[in-house]
Amino acid sequence: MTGIERIAKERERQTSVEGWTTLHDDSHIHAEMALAAACYASPIPIRARLRVPVSCGCRSAECEHTLGFSERDKWVDPWPWDKSWDKRGKHDRIRQLEIAGALVAAEIDRLQREKL
């Protein structure tokens, strides 16, 4: 089976077994499906760096206390949904990519419907 066939089969499974209808997909207006796809597609765990603001009393927004990496920076998993929906560790690499591809296809379809 080719990659595209695997992705199409997974997308069909997502709709028929999981019940992720177009109506459901259309509720993900903040690109959550694309972000989940990126998480699944990454060959290593990915993390997002978040800046935690520090109230230091400086007048400059770019003061020395907030520049660069420090203990005030936090690294988080960008997984967009509740952890109970995260199945990345459950699947082998090919299966992860099938899921990622199907999520990308769902996001493309959602964006196309949004333009109508």
N, C-alpha and C. Protein backbone atom coordinates (compact mmCIF):
# COMPACT_ATOMS: atom_id res chain seq x y z
N MET A 1 0.85 -1.17 0.00
CA MET A 1 0.00 0.00 0.00
C MET A 1 0.90 1.24 0.00
N THR A 2 0.55 2.22 -0.82
CA THR A 2 1.35 3.44 -0.91
C THR A 2 1.04 4.37 0.28
N GLY A 3 1.88 5.37 0.42
CA GLY A 3 1.67 6.34 1.49
C GLY A 3 0.34 7.05 1.38
N ILE A 4 0.01 7.49 0.18
CA ILE A 4 -1.26 8.21 -0.01
C ILE A 4 -2.45 7.30 0.26
N GLU A 5 -2.34 6.02 -0.08
CA GLU A 5 -3.41 5.07 0.22
C GLU A 5 -3.56 4.88 1.73
N ARG A 6 -2.44 4.82 2.42
CA ARG A 6 -2.46 4.69 3.88
C ARG A 6 -3.12 5.90 4.53
N ILE A 7 -2.78 7.09 4.04
CA ILE A 7 -3.36 8.32 4.58
C ILE A 7 -4.86 8.37 4.32
N ALA A 8 -5.28 8.02 3.10
CA ALA A 8 -6.71 8.02 2.77
C ALA A 8 -7.46 7.01 3.64
N LYS A 9 -6.87 5.86 3.86
CA LYS A 9 -7.50 4.85 4.70
C LYS A 9 -7.64 5.36 6.14
N GLU A 10 -6.62 6.03 6.64
CA GLU A 10 -6.70 6.59 8.00
C GLU A 10 -7.74 7.69 8.08
N ARG A 11 -7.81 8.53 7.06
CA ARG A 11 -8.83 9.60 7.07
C ARG A 11 -10.22 9.00 7.08
N GLU A 12 -10.42 7.95 6.31
CA GLU A 12 -11.71 7.25 6.29
C GLU A 12 -12.01 6.67 7.68
N ARG A 13 -11.01 6.10 8.33
CA ARG A 13 -11.19 5.55 9.67
C ARG A 13 -11.57 6.65 10.66
N GLN A 14 -10.91 7.80 10.55
CA GLN A 14 -11.21 8.91 11.45
C GLN A 14 -12.67 9.34 11.35
N THR A 15 -13.20 9.34 10.14
CA THR A 15 -14.59 9.77 9.97
C THR A 15 -15.58 8.65 10.31
N SER A 16 -15.31 7.43 9.86
CA SER A 16 -16.29 6.35 10.06
C SER A 16 -16.23 5.72 11.45
N VAL A 17 -15.06 5.57 12.01
CA VAL A 17 -14.91 4.92 13.31
C VAL A 17 -14.93 5.94 14.45
N GLU A 18 -14.14 6.98 14.31
CA GLU A 18 -14.03 7.99 15.37
C GLU A 18 -15.18 9.00 15.33
N GLY A 19 -15.82 9.13 14.17
CA GLY A 19 -16.94 10.06 14.05
C GLY A 19 -16.53 11.51 13.88
N TRP A 20 -15.31 11.75 13.43
CA TRP A 20 -14.84 13.13 13.22
C TRP A 20 -15.41 13.64 11.90
N THR A 21 -16.59 14.19 11.99
CA THR A 21 -17.30 14.68 10.81
C THR A 21 -16.75 16.04 10.38
N THR A 22 -17.20 16.49 9.22
CA THR A 22 -16.79 17.83 8.77
C THR A 22 -17.29 18.89 9.73
N LEU A 23 -18.46 18.69 10.31
CA LEU A 23 -18.99 19.64 11.29
C LEU A 23 -18.04 19.73 12.50
N HIS A 24 -17.59 18.59 12.96
CA HIS A 24 -16.64 18.56 14.07
C HIS A 24 -15.33 19.24 13.67
N ASP A 25 -14.81 18.86 12.51
CA ASP A 25 -13.54 19.44 12.05
C ASP A 25 -13.63 20.95 11.91
N ASP A 26 -14.78 21.43 11.47
CA ASP A 26 -14.96 22.87 11.28
C ASP A 26 -14.92 23.66 12.59
N SER A 27 -15.05 22.96 13.71
CA SER A 27 -14.97 23.65 15.00
C SER A 27 -13.53 23.94 15.42
N HIS A 28 -12.58 23.33 14.74
CA HIS A 28 -11.16 23.53 15.07
C HIS A 28 -10.60 24.70 14.26
N ILE A 29 -11.00 25.90 14.64
CA ILE A 29 -10.67 27.11 13.87
C ILE A 29 -9.31 27.70 14.19
N HIS A 30 -8.59 27.10 15.12
CA HIS A 30 -7.28 27.62 15.51
C HIS A 30 -6.15 26.72 15.04
N ALA A 31 -6.37 26.01 13.94
CA ALA A 31 -5.37 25.14 13.32
C ALA A 31 -4.91 24.00 14.22
N GLU A 32 -5.79 23.55 15.08
CA GLU A 32 -5.43 22.46 15.98
C GLU A 32 -5.09 21.17 15.24
N MET A 33 -5.81 20.90 14.15
CA MET A 33 -5.53 19.67 13.41
C MET A 33 -4.15 19.72 12.77
N ALA A 34 -3.78 20.88 12.27
CA ALA A 34 -2.44 21.03 11.68
C ALA A 34 -1.36 20.90 12.75
N LEU A 35 -1.61 21.45 13.91
CA LEU A 35 -0.63 21.35 14.99
C LEU A 35 -0.49 19.91 15.47
N ALA A 36 -1.61 19.22 15.61
CA ALA A 36 -1.56 17.81 15.99
C ALA A 36 -0.82 17.00 14.93
N ALA A 37 -1.06 17.32 13.66
CA ALA A 37 -0.35 16.64 12.57
C ALA A 37 1.16 16.86 12.69
N ALA A 38 1.56 18.09 12.99
CA ALA A 38 2.99 18.38 13.16
C ALA A 38 3.57 17.57 14.31
N CYS A 39 2.82 17.45 15.38
CA CYS A 39 3.28 16.65 16.53
C CYS A 39 3.45 15.19 16.14
N TYR A 40 2.49 14.64 15.41
CA TYR A 40 2.59 13.26 14.95
C TYR A 40 3.72 13.08 13.94
N ALA A 41 3.92 14.05 13.07
CA ALA A 41 4.91 13.91 12.00
C ALA A 41 6.35 14.08 12.48
N SER A 42 6.54 14.78 13.56
CA SER A 42 7.89 15.02 14.04
C SER A 42 8.57 13.71 14.44
N PRO A 43 9.81 13.48 13.97
CA PRO A 43 10.51 12.25 14.32
C PRO A 43 11.01 12.24 15.76
N ILE A 44 11.01 13.39 16.40
CA ILE A 44 11.42 13.51 17.80
C ILE A 44 10.37 14.36 18.51
N PRO A 45 10.28 14.26 19.82
CA PRO A 45 9.32 15.11 20.53
C PRO A 45 9.64 16.58 20.27
N ILE A 46 8.62 17.36 19.96
CA ILE A 46 8.84 18.79 19.73
C ILE A 46 8.30 19.55 20.92
N ARG A 47 8.89 20.69 21.14
CA ARG A 47 8.48 21.52 22.27
C ARG A 47 8.36 22.96 21.81
N ALA A 48 7.46 23.68 22.42
CA ALA A 48 7.30 25.10 22.14
C ALA A 48 7.88 25.88 23.31
N ARG A 49 8.59 26.94 23.01
CA ARG A 49 9.18 27.76 24.05
C ARG A 49 8.22 28.90 24.37
N LEU A 50 7.86 29.01 25.62
CA LEU A 50 6.98 30.07 26.06
C LEU A 50 7.75 31.01 26.97
N ARG A 51 7.60 32.28 26.75
CA ARG A 51 8.25 33.28 27.60
C ARG A 51 7.32 33.61 28.76
N VAL A 52 7.83 33.46 29.96
CA VAL A 52 7.07 33.82 31.15
C VAL A 52 7.46 35.24 31.53
N PRO A 53 6.51 36.16 31.52
CA PRO A 53 6.86 37.55 31.83
C PRO A 53 7.37 37.70 33.25
N VAL A 54 8.30 38.61 33.41
CA VAL A 54 8.88 38.89 34.71
C VAL A 54 8.62 40.35 35.04
N SER A 55 8.15 40.58 36.21
CA SER A 55 7.92 41.96 36.64
C SER A 55 9.16 42.42 37.39
N CYS A 56 10.05 43.07 36.66
CA CYS A 56 11.33 43.47 37.27
C CYS A 56 11.40 44.96 37.56
N GLY A 57 10.45 45.73 37.08
CA GLY A 57 10.46 47.15 37.33
C GLY A 57 11.20 47.96 36.27
N CYS A 58 11.82 47.30 35.31
CA CYS A 58 12.52 48.03 34.25
C CYS A 58 11.50 48.74 33.36
N ARG A 59 11.90 49.84 32.77
CA ARG A 59 10.98 50.59 31.90
C ARG A 59 11.00 50.07 30.47
N SER A 60 12.06 49.39 30.09
CA SER A 60 12.18 48.89 28.72
C SER A 60 11.52 47.52 28.60
N ALA A 61 10.77 47.33 27.50
CA ALA A 61 10.18 46.01 27.24
C ALA A 61 11.25 44.98 26.95
N GLU A 62 12.41 45.42 26.52
CA GLU A 62 13.52 44.53 26.17
C GLU A 62 14.63 44.63 27.21
N CYS A 63 14.29 44.60 28.47
CA CYS A 63 15.32 44.75 29.50
C CYS A 63 16.19 43.50 29.59
N GLU A 64 17.32 43.61 30.25
CA GLU A 64 18.26 42.49 30.36
C GLU A 64 17.68 41.32 31.13
N HIS A 65 16.64 41.56 31.91
CA HIS A 65 16.05 40.49 32.70
C HIS A 65 15.14 39.57 31.90
N THR A 66 14.74 39.98 30.70
CA THR A 66 13.84 39.15 29.91
C THR A 66 14.46 38.68 28.59
N LEU A 67 15.70 39.03 28.33
CA LEU A 67 16.34 38.60 27.09
C LEU A 67 16.93 37.21 27.23
N GLY A 68 16.89 36.45 26.14
CA GLY A 68 17.58 35.17 26.10
C GLY A 68 16.89 34.07 26.90
N PHE A 69 17.49 32.91 26.83
CA PHE A 69 16.95 31.74 27.53
C PHE A 69 17.30 31.84 29.02
N SER A 70 16.35 31.56 29.85
CA SER A 70 16.59 31.59 31.29
C SER A 70 15.61 30.66 31.98
N GLU A 71 15.70 30.62 33.28
CA GLU A 71 14.77 29.80 34.04
C GLU A 71 13.34 30.32 33.94
N ARG A 72 13.14 31.53 33.42
CA ARG A 72 11.80 32.07 33.24
C ARG A 72 11.15 31.55 31.95
N ASP A 73 11.94 30.92 31.10
CA ASP A 73 11.38 30.32 29.89
C ASP A 73 10.89 28.92 30.22
N LYS A 74 9.79 28.55 29.66
CA LYS A 74 9.26 27.21 29.87
C LYS A 74 9.09 26.53 28.52
N TRP A 75 9.38 25.24 28.49
CA TRP A 75 9.22 24.44 27.29
C TRP A 75 8.03 23.53 27.48
N VAL A 76 7.11 23.58 26.54
CA VAL A 76 5.90 22.77 26.65
C VAL A 76 5.66 22.00 25.36
N ASP A 77 4.97 20.90 25.51
CA ASP A 77 4.55 20.10 24.35
C ASP A 77 3.41 20.86 23.68
N PRO A 78 3.51 21.14 22.37
CA PRO A 78 2.45 21.92 21.71
C PRO A 78 1.20 21.12 21.36
N TRP A 79 1.08 19.90 21.87
CA TRP A 79 -0.11 19.09 21.59
C TRP A 79 -1.36 19.92 21.88
N PRO A 80 -2.28 20.06 20.90
CA PRO A 80 -3.37 21.03 21.03
C PRO A 80 -4.58 20.58 21.84
N TRP A 81 -4.67 19.29 22.15
CA TRP A 81 -5.86 18.79 22.83
C TRP A 81 -5.50 18.16 24.16
N ASP A 82 -6.49 17.69 24.85
CA ASP A 82 -6.28 17.01 26.12
C ASP A 82 -5.32 15.83 25.93
N LYS A 83 -4.50 15.60 26.92
CA LYS A 83 -3.49 14.52 26.84
C LYS A 83 -4.12 13.15 26.59
N SER A 84 -5.36 12.96 26.99
CA SER A 84 -6.01 11.66 26.77
C SER A 84 -6.16 11.33 25.29
N TRP A 85 -6.13 12.36 24.42
CA TRP A 85 -6.25 12.15 22.98
C TRP A 85 -4.89 11.93 22.32
N ASP A 86 -3.83 12.07 23.05
CA ASP A 86 -2.47 11.95 22.50
C ASP A 86 -2.07 10.48 22.44
N LYS A 87 -1.99 9.95 21.23
CA LYS A 87 -1.65 8.54 21.02
C LYS A 87 -0.30 8.39 20.32
N ARG A 88 0.50 9.45 20.32
CA ARG A 88 1.77 9.39 19.59
C ARG A 88 2.65 8.22 20.04
N GLY A 89 2.73 7.99 21.33
CA GLY A 89 3.60 6.93 21.84
C GLY A 89 3.06 5.53 21.62
N LYS A 90 1.83 5.42 21.22
CA LYS A 90 1.18 4.12 21.02
C LYS A 90 1.52 3.49 19.67
N HIS A 91 1.91 4.30 18.70
CA HIS A 91 2.04 3.83 17.32
C HIS A 91 3.48 3.80 16.82
N ASP A 92 3.71 2.92 15.84
CA ASP A 92 5.02 2.90 15.19
C ASP A 92 5.13 4.10 14.25
N ARG A 93 6.30 4.30 13.69
CA ARG A 93 6.58 5.50 12.89
C ARG A 93 5.67 5.65 11.68
N ILE A 94 5.44 4.57 10.96
CA ILE A 94 4.58 4.65 9.77
C ILE A 94 3.16 5.03 10.17
N ARG A 95 2.67 4.43 11.24
CA ARG A 95 1.30 4.74 11.69
C ARG A 95 1.20 6.21 12.13
N GLN A 96 2.22 6.71 12.80
CA GLN A 96 2.23 8.12 13.19
C GLN A 96 2.11 9.02 11.96
N LEU A 97 2.83 8.67 10.90
CA LEU A 97 2.80 9.48 9.68
C LEU A 97 1.46 9.36 8.95
N GLU A 98 0.84 8.19 9.01
CA GLU A 98 -0.50 8.04 8.43
C GLU A 98 -1.48 9.00 9.13
N ILE A 99 -1.42 9.01 10.44
CA ILE A 99 -2.31 9.88 11.22
C ILE A 99 -2.01 11.34 10.91
N ALA A 100 -0.72 11.69 10.86
CA ALA A 100 -0.33 13.07 10.55
C ALA A 100 -0.88 13.49 9.18
N GLY A 101 -0.73 12.63 8.19
CA GLY A 101 -1.22 12.93 6.85
C GLY A 101 -2.72 13.11 6.80
N ALA A 102 -3.43 12.27 7.53
CA ALA A 102 -4.89 12.37 7.56
C ALA A 102 -5.33 13.65 8.25
N LEU A 103 -4.62 14.06 9.29
CA LEU A 103 -4.94 15.32 9.96
C LEU A 103 -4.67 16.51 9.05
N VAL A 104 -3.60 16.46 8.28
CA VAL A 104 -3.31 17.52 7.32
C VAL A 104 -4.43 17.59 6.28
N ALA A 105 -4.84 16.44 5.77
CA ALA A 105 -5.94 16.41 4.79
C ALA A 105 -7.21 17.01 5.38
N ALA A 106 -7.50 16.68 6.63
CA ALA A 106 -8.68 17.23 7.29
C ALA A 106 -8.58 18.75 7.42
N GLU A 107 -7.40 19.23 7.74
CA GLU A 107 -7.21 20.68 7.87
C GLU A 107 -7.34 21.38 6.52
N ILE A 108 -6.80 20.78 5.47
CA ILE A 108 -6.95 21.35 4.12
C ILE A 108 -8.44 21.43 3.76
N ASP A 109 -9.16 20.35 3.99
CA ASP A 109 -10.59 20.34 3.69
C ASP A 109 -11.33 21.41 4.49
N ARG A 110 -10.98 21.55 5.78
CA ARG A 110 -11.64 22.56 6.62
C ARG A 110 -11.38 23.96 6.07
N LEU A 111 -10.14 24.24 5.68
CA LEU A 111 -9.81 25.57 5.15
C LEU A 111 -10.54 25.83 3.83
N GLN A 112 -10.66 24.80 3.00
CA GLN A 112 -11.40 24.99 1.76
C GLN A 112 -12.87 25.27 2.01
N ARG A 113 -13.47 24.56 2.97
CA ARG A 113 -14.88 24.81 3.32
C ARG A 113 -15.04 26.22 3.89
N GLU A 114 -14.08 26.66 4.63
CA GLU A 114 -14.12 27.99 5.26
C GLU A 114 -14.20 29.11 4.21
N LYS A 115 -13.61 28.86 3.05
CA LYS A 115 -13.61 29.88 1.97
C LYS A 115 -14.95 29.95 1.25
N LEU A 116 -15.79 28.94 1.40
CA LEU A 116 -17.07 28.91 0.68
C LEU A 116 -18.05 29.90 1.24
